[in-house]
Amino acid sequence: MIHASKRAMGIEYAIRDVVLPARELEKKGIKLIKLNIGDPVKFDFDAPEHMKKAYCEAIMEGHNYYGDSEGDTELREAIAERERKKNGIDITVDDVQVTAAVTEALQFLFGALIDGGEEILIPGPSYPPYVGLVKFYGGIPKAYRTIEEEGWQPDVDDMRKKITEKTRAIAIINPNNPTGALYEKKTLKEIIDLAGEYELPVISDEIYDLMTYEGKHVSPSSLTKDVPVIGMNGLSKVYFATGWRLGYMYFVDPENKLAEVREAIGKLARIRLCPNTPAQKAAIAGLRGSMDYLEEYMAKLKERRDYIYRRLNEMPGISTQKPEGAFYIFPKIEEGPWKSDKEFVLDVLHNAHVLFVHGSGFGEGGEGHFRSIFLAPVEVLEKAMDNLEKFMKERLK
């Protein structure tokens, strides 16, 4: 018998735990309302026309070859321009690495930072690849508290308590998946100061940076003076091109403290040859083209966020904070007969036919919660919330 590696087998992915039972129900002809996956293109959103046209033209013009391992030079120039304009930071093409979405950026980064036993501070709860990939490389993901009552803001005091001699970086996801939190500038400055005190880099996942409602996203890269910041972004969310799998990381490192890390990432990038070449050509059109579509899309998302937030807070046994960014909401299960949040989500799936993701699947801090998206039109959300409300009333009798 050929055995799989223990590292690969140790990776956990929360969504799988609910998707497989959902598929079994669908095989039986049961129609489900799926509010589990953060893919806007599965609903009434799509990549802008000029990006799609540029992708098709790139293919027809013959850009179907292996490209540079670090990414297309013109694309990296466009990324540097975008980050200078958005965050006011001074970076060049040499500070940019194009990747197959943020997930590959995380793979490269953790592969460069971790030899075995090192710790990465991550928010609790957290996007599952942070846990899975750190473990895959033999590291230890250590969750710091985020404060639900304060809109899931990071607890910097708890972050300080979690730092040890094995800590290699502090990671933030802002706007946050799964909570929808938008981190305050004051909090980000405190994180930068803390990282500087312990000579740690900050990893800043910014994939939802322009998807905010009442507030605006602030990048720690715009606040640092000498603390290295590794920013990560891509086309999946703000540019609504999830299936293109194209992203990037950029380095703000004035004192060149990450020279060895960057060299290691370059080597990993060369091993996989290159990112998708025609998609990179199309990404240039996206980064330099009109973003007028975003105003319409964000107006739709705000209406849907407001609706699901109101409905969830009106239900018995459920409460929730209002998301300030992205398209996730992370309600708390206040009461009920369930022994775990996973049991709750499966009960909802089988009896209300609405598919959520259990909060404990997002690691420490997610227990007793569940995650829902609000990408679906209001009429779909209304049906889902009606089903959930009826279910809760029956279970809490």
Protein backbone atom coordinates (compact mmCIF):
# COMPACT_ATOMS: atom_id res chain seq x y z
CA MET A 1 0.00 0.00 0.00
CA ILE A 2 1.21 3.49 -0.86
CA HIS A 3 0.67 5.87 2.04
CA ALA A 4 -0.02 9.59 1.69
CA SER A 5 2.32 11.97 3.45
CA LYS A 6 1.33 12.85 6.99
CA ARG A 7 1.67 16.54 6.17
CA ALA A 8 -0.80 16.33 3.29
CA MET A 9 -3.23 14.17 5.25
CA GLY A 10 -3.08 16.62 8.14
CA ILE A 11 -4.58 19.48 6.13
CA GLU A 12 -8.13 20.30 7.16
CA TYR A 13 -10.68 22.21 5.09
CA ALA A 14 -13.87 23.11 6.90
CA ILE A 15 -16.09 23.62 3.88
CA ARG A 16 -15.61 19.99 2.82
CA ASP A 17 -17.29 18.81 6.04
CA VAL A 18 -20.58 20.36 4.96
CA VAL A 19 -20.29 20.13 1.18
CA LEU A 20 -20.15 16.34 1.09
CA PRO A 21 -23.42 15.89 3.03
CA ALA A 22 -24.95 18.62 0.86
CA ARG A 23 -24.05 16.70 -2.28
CA GLU A 24 -25.76 13.60 -0.91
CA LEU A 25 -28.95 15.59 -0.36
CA GLU A 26 -28.77 16.97 -3.88
CA LYS A 27 -28.45 13.46 -5.27
CA LYS A 28 -31.81 12.77 -3.64
CA GLY A 29 -33.33 15.71 -5.50
CA ILE A 30 -33.43 18.10 -2.54
CA LYS A 31 -32.88 21.73 -3.57
CA LEU A 32 -30.52 23.61 -1.30
CA ILE A 33 -29.85 27.30 -0.74
CA LYS A 34 -26.08 27.50 -0.73
CA LEU A 35 -24.63 30.28 1.42
CA ASN A 36 -21.29 28.60 2.05
CA ILE A 37 -18.75 29.56 -0.65
CA GLY A 38 -17.39 33.08 -1.12
CA ASP A 39 -17.58 33.08 -4.91
CA PRO A 40 -19.44 36.14 -6.24
CA VAL A 41 -19.33 34.79 -9.81
CA LYS A 42 -21.66 31.97 -8.73
CA PHE A 43 -24.30 34.68 -8.27
CA ASP A 44 -25.13 37.85 -10.22
CA PHE A 45 -21.58 39.22 -10.39
CA ASP A 46 -18.91 38.80 -13.06
CA ALA A 47 -15.52 40.08 -14.13
CA PRO A 48 -15.82 43.41 -16.00
CA GLU A 49 -16.15 43.22 -19.77
CA HIS A 50 -12.81 44.88 -20.52
CA MET A 51 -11.01 42.23 -18.49
CA LYS A 52 -12.81 39.35 -20.18
CA LYS A 53 -12.13 40.86 -23.60
CA ALA A 54 -8.44 41.29 -22.75
CA TYR A 55 -8.23 37.64 -21.66
CA CYS A 56 -9.71 36.41 -24.95
CA GLU A 57 -7.44 38.72 -26.95
CA ALA A 58 -4.37 37.52 -25.05
CA ILE A 59 -5.14 33.94 -26.00
CA MET A 60 -5.83 34.76 -29.63
CA GLU A 61 -2.69 36.89 -29.87
CA GLY A 62 -0.58 33.93 -28.80
CA HIS A 63 0.23 34.72 -25.17
CA ASN A 64 0.01 31.05 -24.29
CA TYR A 65 3.64 30.40 -23.41
CA TYR A 66 5.63 30.04 -20.20
CA GLY A 67 6.21 33.47 -18.76
CA ASP A 68 8.65 34.81 -16.18
CA SER A 69 8.51 33.03 -12.83
CA GLU A 70 8.11 36.32 -10.95
CA GLY A 71 5.30 37.41 -13.26
CA ASP A 72 4.84 39.55 -16.36
CA THR A 73 6.89 42.75 -16.05
CA GLU A 74 4.10 45.02 -17.27
CA LEU A 75 1.68 43.42 -14.82
CA ARG A 76 4.09 43.91 -11.94
CA GLU A 77 4.42 47.56 -12.99
CA ALA A 78 0.61 47.85 -12.94
CA ILE A 79 0.48 46.24 -9.49
CA ALA A 80 3.12 48.62 -8.15
CA GLU A 81 1.13 51.55 -9.61
CA ARG A 82 -2.05 50.24 -8.04
CA GLU A 83 -0.49 49.86 -4.59
CA ARG A 84 1.20 53.27 -4.78
CA LYS A 85 -2.14 54.86 -5.63
CA LYS A 86 -4.20 52.87 -3.12
CA ASN A 87 -1.78 52.76 -0.18
CA GLY A 88 0.71 55.54 -0.90
CA ILE A 89 3.66 53.16 -0.71
CA ASP A 90 6.92 53.36 -2.66
CA ILE A 91 7.38 49.97 -4.33
CA THR A 92 8.77 48.91 -7.71
CA VAL A 93 8.39 45.87 -9.95
CA ASP A 94 11.21 44.20 -8.01
CA ASP A 95 9.01 44.25 -4.89
CA VAL A 96 6.18 42.30 -6.57
CA GLN A 97 5.75 38.55 -7.03
CA VAL A 98 2.78 37.34 -9.12
CA THR A 99 1.17 34.13 -7.86
CA ALA A 100 -1.64 31.73 -8.59
CA ALA A 101 -3.98 33.65 -6.26
CA VAL A 102 -3.34 34.51 -2.61
CA THR A 103 -3.32 30.80 -1.75
CA GLU A 104 -0.08 30.28 -3.65
CA ALA A 105 1.34 33.43 -2.08
CA LEU A 106 0.68 31.84 1.31
CA GLN A 107 2.29 28.59 0.16
CA PHE A 108 5.42 30.43 -0.95
CA LEU A 109 5.57 32.60 2.14
CA PHE A 110 5.08 29.84 4.71
CA GLY A 111 7.45 27.62 2.75
CA ALA A 112 10.08 30.36 3.09
CA LEU A 113 9.42 31.18 6.76
CA ILE A 114 8.95 27.74 8.29
CA ASP A 115 11.51 24.96 8.79
CA GLY A 116 9.61 23.11 11.50
CA GLY A 117 8.23 24.22 14.85
CA GLU A 118 8.06 27.94 14.07
CA GLU A 119 4.87 29.81 14.97
CA ILE A 120 2.76 32.16 12.85
CA LEU A 121 0.27 34.36 14.67
CA ILE A 122 -3.10 34.29 12.91
CA PRO A 123 -6.47 35.81 13.78
CA GLY A 124 -8.95 33.62 15.61
CA PRO A 125 -11.16 32.76 13.77
CA SER A 126 -9.18 32.60 10.54
CA TYR A 127 -9.40 31.66 6.87
CA PRO A 128 -8.65 27.87 6.90
CA PRO A 129 -5.58 27.86 4.57
CA TYR A 130 -3.67 29.82 7.21
CA VAL A 131 -4.07 26.91 9.60
CA GLY A 132 -3.68 24.14 7.03
CA LEU A 133 -0.64 25.51 5.21
CA VAL A 134 1.28 26.49 8.35
CA LYS A 135 0.76 22.94 9.63
CA PHE A 136 1.71 21.48 6.24
CA TYR A 137 5.14 23.09 6.45
CA GLY A 138 5.61 21.83 10.00
CA GLY A 139 4.78 25.12 11.70
CA ILE A 140 2.34 25.97 14.45
CA PRO A 141 -0.57 28.35 13.75
CA LYS A 142 -1.18 30.28 16.94
CA ALA A 143 -4.49 32.15 17.08
CA TYR A 144 -4.80 35.54 18.72
CA ARG A 145 -8.17 36.70 19.96
CA THR A 146 -10.44 38.97 17.97
CA ILE A 147 -13.12 40.71 20.00
CA GLU A 148 -16.64 39.90 18.83
CA GLU A 149 -18.27 42.64 20.90
CA GLU A 150 -16.01 45.19 19.19
CA GLY A 151 -16.81 44.07 15.66
CA TRP A 152 -14.15 41.33 15.71
CA GLN A 153 -11.23 43.76 16.09
CA PRO A 154 -7.85 42.14 16.93
CA ASP A 155 -6.96 42.01 20.61
CA VAL A 156 -3.41 43.41 20.51
CA ASP A 157 -2.83 42.60 24.18
CA ASP A 158 -3.62 38.94 23.50
CA MET A 159 -1.42 39.09 20.42
CA ARG A 160 1.47 40.21 22.62
CA LYS A 161 0.87 37.30 25.00
CA LYS A 162 1.08 34.82 22.14
CA ILE A 163 4.52 35.94 20.91
CA THR A 164 7.38 33.58 21.76
CA GLU A 165 10.95 33.07 20.58
CA LYS A 166 9.50 30.76 17.91
CA THR A 167 7.20 33.40 16.39
CA ARG A 168 8.11 34.23 12.80
CA ALA A 169 5.33 36.60 11.66
CA ILE A 170 2.03 38.23 12.55
CA ALA A 171 -0.74 37.67 10.01
CA ILE A 172 -3.81 39.85 9.59
CA ILE A 173 -6.77 39.36 7.24
CA ASN A 174 -8.42 42.71 6.63
CA PRO A 175 -11.25 42.95 5.65
CA ASN A 176 -11.66 39.66 7.38
CA ASN A 177 -12.83 36.23 6.31
CA PRO A 178 -14.89 34.81 8.06
CA THR A 179 -16.13 37.70 10.22
CA GLY A 180 -16.41 40.62 7.78
CA ALA A 181 -14.45 42.83 10.19
CA LEU A 182 -12.69 45.97 8.97
CA TYR A 183 -9.71 46.75 11.17
CA GLU A 184 -9.32 50.23 12.60
CA LYS A 185 -6.28 52.33 11.72
CA LYS A 186 -5.41 52.70 15.41
CA THR A 187 -5.39 48.92 15.85
CA LEU A 188 -3.22 48.43 12.78
CA LYS A 189 -0.73 50.97 14.06
CA GLU A 190 -0.55 49.09 17.37
CA ILE A 191 0.11 45.85 15.49
CA ILE A 192 2.92 47.49 13.49
CA ASP A 193 4.45 48.83 16.71
CA LEU A 194 4.21 45.41 18.35
CA ALA A 195 5.80 43.71 15.34
CA GLY A 196 8.62 46.25 15.40
CA GLU A 197 9.21 45.65 19.07
CA TYR A 198 9.76 41.94 18.45
CA GLU A 199 11.39 42.34 15.00
CA LEU A 200 8.64 40.43 13.21
CA PRO A 201 7.20 40.96 9.73
CA VAL A 202 3.49 41.59 9.24
CA ILE A 203 1.59 39.52 6.69
CA SER A 204 -1.35 41.55 5.37
CA ASP A 205 -4.06 39.71 3.40
CA GLU A 206 -5.86 42.49 1.52
CA ILE A 207 -7.89 40.57 -1.05
CA TYR A 208 -11.11 42.43 -0.05
CA ASP A 209 -9.48 45.86 0.28
CA LEU A 210 -12.01 47.82 -1.82
CA MET A 211 -15.00 45.82 -0.57
CA THR A 212 -15.95 48.01 2.38
CA TYR A 213 -19.17 49.69 3.43
CA GLU A 214 -19.16 52.54 5.96
CA GLY A 215 -15.39 52.68 6.39
CA LYS A 216 -12.26 52.46 4.22
CA HIS A 217 -9.52 49.87 4.24
CA VAL A 218 -6.13 50.93 5.62
CA SER A 219 -3.10 48.82 4.81
CA PRO A 220 -0.36 48.41 7.41
CA SER A 221 2.05 48.94 4.52
CA SER A 222 0.97 52.59 4.56
CA LEU A 223 1.75 52.90 8.29
CA THR A 224 5.14 51.24 8.58
CA LYS A 225 8.52 52.96 8.74
CA ASP A 226 10.93 50.08 9.31
CA VAL A 227 8.72 47.03 9.99
CA PRO A 228 8.56 44.71 6.96
CA VAL A 229 5.06 44.23 5.56
CA ILE A 230 4.16 41.52 3.06
CA GLY A 231 0.92 42.49 1.35
CA MET A 232 -1.19 40.00 -0.59
CA ASN A 233 -3.96 40.67 -3.08
CA GLY A 234 -5.43 39.41 -6.33
CA LEU A 235 -8.21 39.29 -8.90
CA SER A 236 -10.65 36.99 -7.14
CA LYS A 237 -12.76 39.41 -5.14
CA VAL A 238 -12.53 43.11 -6.04
CA TYR A 239 -12.06 42.21 -9.71
CA PHE A 240 -14.63 39.36 -9.62
CA ALA A 241 -12.42 36.84 -11.42
CA THR A 242 -12.34 33.98 -8.92
CA GLY A 243 -11.66 31.21 -11.44
CA TRP A 244 -8.68 32.96 -13.00
CA ARG A 245 -6.60 32.12 -9.92
CA LEU A 246 -4.28 35.08 -10.16
CA GLY A 247 -2.85 37.07 -7.27
CA TYR A 248 0.31 38.69 -6.01
CA MET A 249 2.38 39.57 -3.01
CA TYR A 250 4.32 42.78 -2.53
CA PHE A 251 7.07 43.67 -0.08
CA VAL A 252 7.45 46.91 1.84
CA ASP A 253 10.82 46.35 3.45
CA PRO A 254 12.84 49.59 3.68
CA GLU A 255 15.76 47.99 5.53
CA ASN A 256 15.84 44.79 3.41
CA LYS A 257 15.26 42.55 6.41
CA LEU A 258 13.46 39.95 4.30
CA ALA A 259 16.23 39.42 1.74
CA GLU A 260 16.59 35.69 2.46
CA VAL A 261 12.81 35.17 2.57
CA ARG A 262 12.42 36.87 -0.79
CA GLU A 263 15.22 34.79 -2.28
CA ALA A 264 13.54 31.60 -1.04
CA ILE A 265 10.19 32.69 -2.49
CA GLY A 266 11.88 33.35 -5.82
CA LYS A 267 13.26 29.82 -5.83
CA LEU A 268 9.83 28.35 -5.06
CA ALA A 269 8.33 30.43 -7.86
CA ARG A 270 10.88 29.12 -10.33
CA ILE A 271 10.06 25.53 -9.37
CA ARG A 272 6.44 26.00 -10.47
CA LEU A 273 7.59 27.87 -13.64
CA CYS A 274 5.05 30.70 -13.95
CA PRO A 275 1.53 31.98 -13.28
CA ASN A 276 -1.19 31.83 -15.97
CA THR A 277 0.18 33.90 -18.86
CA PRO A 278 -3.01 35.09 -20.66
CA ALA A 279 -4.68 35.84 -17.31
CA GLN A 280 -1.76 38.12 -16.47
CA LYS A 281 -2.32 40.09 -19.68
CA ALA A 282 -5.98 40.46 -18.76
CA ALA A 283 -5.05 41.51 -15.23
CA ILE A 284 -3.21 44.51 -16.63
CA ALA A 285 -6.47 45.66 -18.22
CA GLY A 286 -8.23 45.18 -14.89
CA LEU A 287 -5.69 47.09 -12.83
CA ARG A 288 -5.41 49.99 -15.27
CA GLY A 289 -8.98 50.02 -16.56
CA SER A 290 -12.22 51.47 -15.26
CA MET A 291 -13.61 50.25 -11.96
CA ASP A 292 -17.00 51.89 -12.38
CA TYR A 293 -18.61 48.45 -12.01
CA LEU A 294 -17.56 48.33 -8.37
CA GLU A 295 -19.99 51.06 -7.28
CA GLU A 296 -22.97 49.08 -8.59
CA TYR A 297 -21.71 45.82 -7.14
CA MET A 298 -21.04 47.30 -3.71
CA ALA A 299 -24.50 48.88 -3.63
CA LYS A 300 -26.00 45.42 -4.20
CA LEU A 301 -23.81 43.90 -1.52
CA LYS A 302 -24.69 46.59 1.00
CA GLU A 303 -28.40 46.01 0.47
CA ARG A 304 -27.90 42.28 0.97
CA ARG A 305 -25.67 42.78 4.00
CA ASP A 306 -28.23 45.05 5.65
CA TYR A 307 -31.01 42.57 4.96
CA ILE A 308 -29.29 39.45 6.32
CA TYR A 309 -27.93 41.36 9.33
CA ARG A 310 -31.41 42.52 10.26
CA ARG A 311 -33.04 39.13 9.75
CA LEU A 312 -30.44 37.21 11.75
CA ASN A 313 -30.64 39.57 14.70
CA GLU A 314 -34.43 39.27 14.72
CA MET A 315 -34.31 35.48 15.04
CA PRO A 316 -34.56 33.61 18.34
CA GLY A 317 -31.30 32.01 19.43
CA ILE A 318 -29.03 33.94 17.04
CA SER A 319 -27.12 37.23 17.24
CA THR A 320 -24.54 38.79 14.97
CA GLN A 321 -22.17 41.70 14.46
CA LYS A 322 -22.57 43.85 11.35
CA PRO A 323 -19.86 43.15 8.74
CA GLU A 324 -17.93 46.24 7.62
CA GLY A 325 -16.15 44.58 4.72
CA ALA A 326 -16.10 41.57 2.36
CA PHE A 327 -19.33 39.55 1.98
CA TYR A 328 -19.39 37.31 5.04
CA ILE A 329 -21.35 37.41 8.26
CA PHE A 330 -20.45 35.34 11.32
CA PRO A 331 -23.47 34.86 13.60
CA LYS A 332 -23.37 33.44 17.10
CA ILE A 333 -25.57 30.51 18.12
CA GLU A 334 -26.92 31.84 21.42
CA GLU A 335 -28.97 28.82 22.48
CA GLY A 336 -30.32 25.50 21.32
CA PRO A 337 -30.02 21.72 21.70
CA TRP A 338 -26.83 21.32 19.62
CA LYS A 339 -23.60 20.05 21.16
CA SER A 340 -21.47 21.89 18.61
CA ASP A 341 -21.70 24.46 15.85
CA LYS A 342 -21.01 21.72 13.30
CA GLU A 343 -24.00 19.77 14.59
CA PHE A 344 -26.08 22.93 14.25
CA VAL A 345 -24.98 23.53 10.64
CA LEU A 346 -25.70 19.94 9.65
CA ASP A 347 -29.10 20.08 11.34
CA VAL A 348 -29.91 23.27 9.40
CA LEU A 349 -28.70 21.62 6.20
CA HIS A 350 -30.84 18.50 6.59
CA ASN A 351 -33.97 20.18 7.89
CA ALA A 352 -33.99 23.80 6.63
CA HIS A 353 -32.04 22.99 3.45
CA VAL A 354 -29.72 25.98 3.84
CA LEU A 355 -25.98 25.40 3.60
CA PHE A 356 -23.69 27.36 5.93
CA VAL A 357 -20.17 26.63 7.26
CA HIS A 358 -19.61 25.81 10.93
CA GLY A 359 -17.59 28.37 12.86
CA SER A 360 -15.22 25.89 14.47
CA GLY A 361 -14.01 25.06 10.95
CA PHE A 362 -12.30 28.46 11.01
CA GLY A 363 -10.22 27.51 14.00
CA GLU A 364 -9.90 28.89 17.49
CA GLY A 365 -12.41 31.66 18.19
CA GLY A 366 -14.97 30.35 15.73
CA GLU A 367 -16.65 27.91 18.08
CA GLY A 368 -20.37 28.46 18.61
CA HIS A 369 -20.76 30.40 15.37
CA PHE A 370 -21.45 29.81 11.69
CA ARG A 371 -20.46 31.67 8.55
CA SER A 372 -22.84 32.79 5.85
CA ILE A 373 -22.22 34.69 2.66
CA PHE A 374 -24.63 37.41 1.50
CA LEU A 375 -23.80 37.32 -2.20
CA ALA A 376 -27.20 35.98 -3.24
CA PRO A 377 -30.02 38.33 -4.28
CA VAL A 378 -32.36 39.49 -1.51
CA GLU A 379 -35.17 37.18 -2.66
CA VAL A 380 -32.85 34.19 -2.23
CA LEU A 381 -31.64 35.44 1.15
CA GLU A 382 -35.27 35.97 2.17
CA LYS A 383 -36.11 32.33 1.44
CA ALA A 384 -33.02 31.17 3.33
CA MET A 385 -33.78 33.36 6.34
CA ASP A 386 -37.44 32.29 6.36
CA ASN A 387 -36.33 28.65 6.42
CA LEU A 388 -33.78 29.31 9.16
CA GLU A 389 -36.21 31.31 11.29
CA LYS A 390 -38.84 28.57 11.08
CA PHE A 391 -36.19 26.01 11.96
CA MET A 392 -34.98 27.98 14.99
CA LYS A 393 -38.49 28.47 16.34
CA GLU A 394 -39.16 24.74 16.09
CA ARG A 395 -35.87 23.79 17.76
CA LEU A 396 -36.29 26.30 20.62
CA LYS A 397 -39.84 25.31 21.60
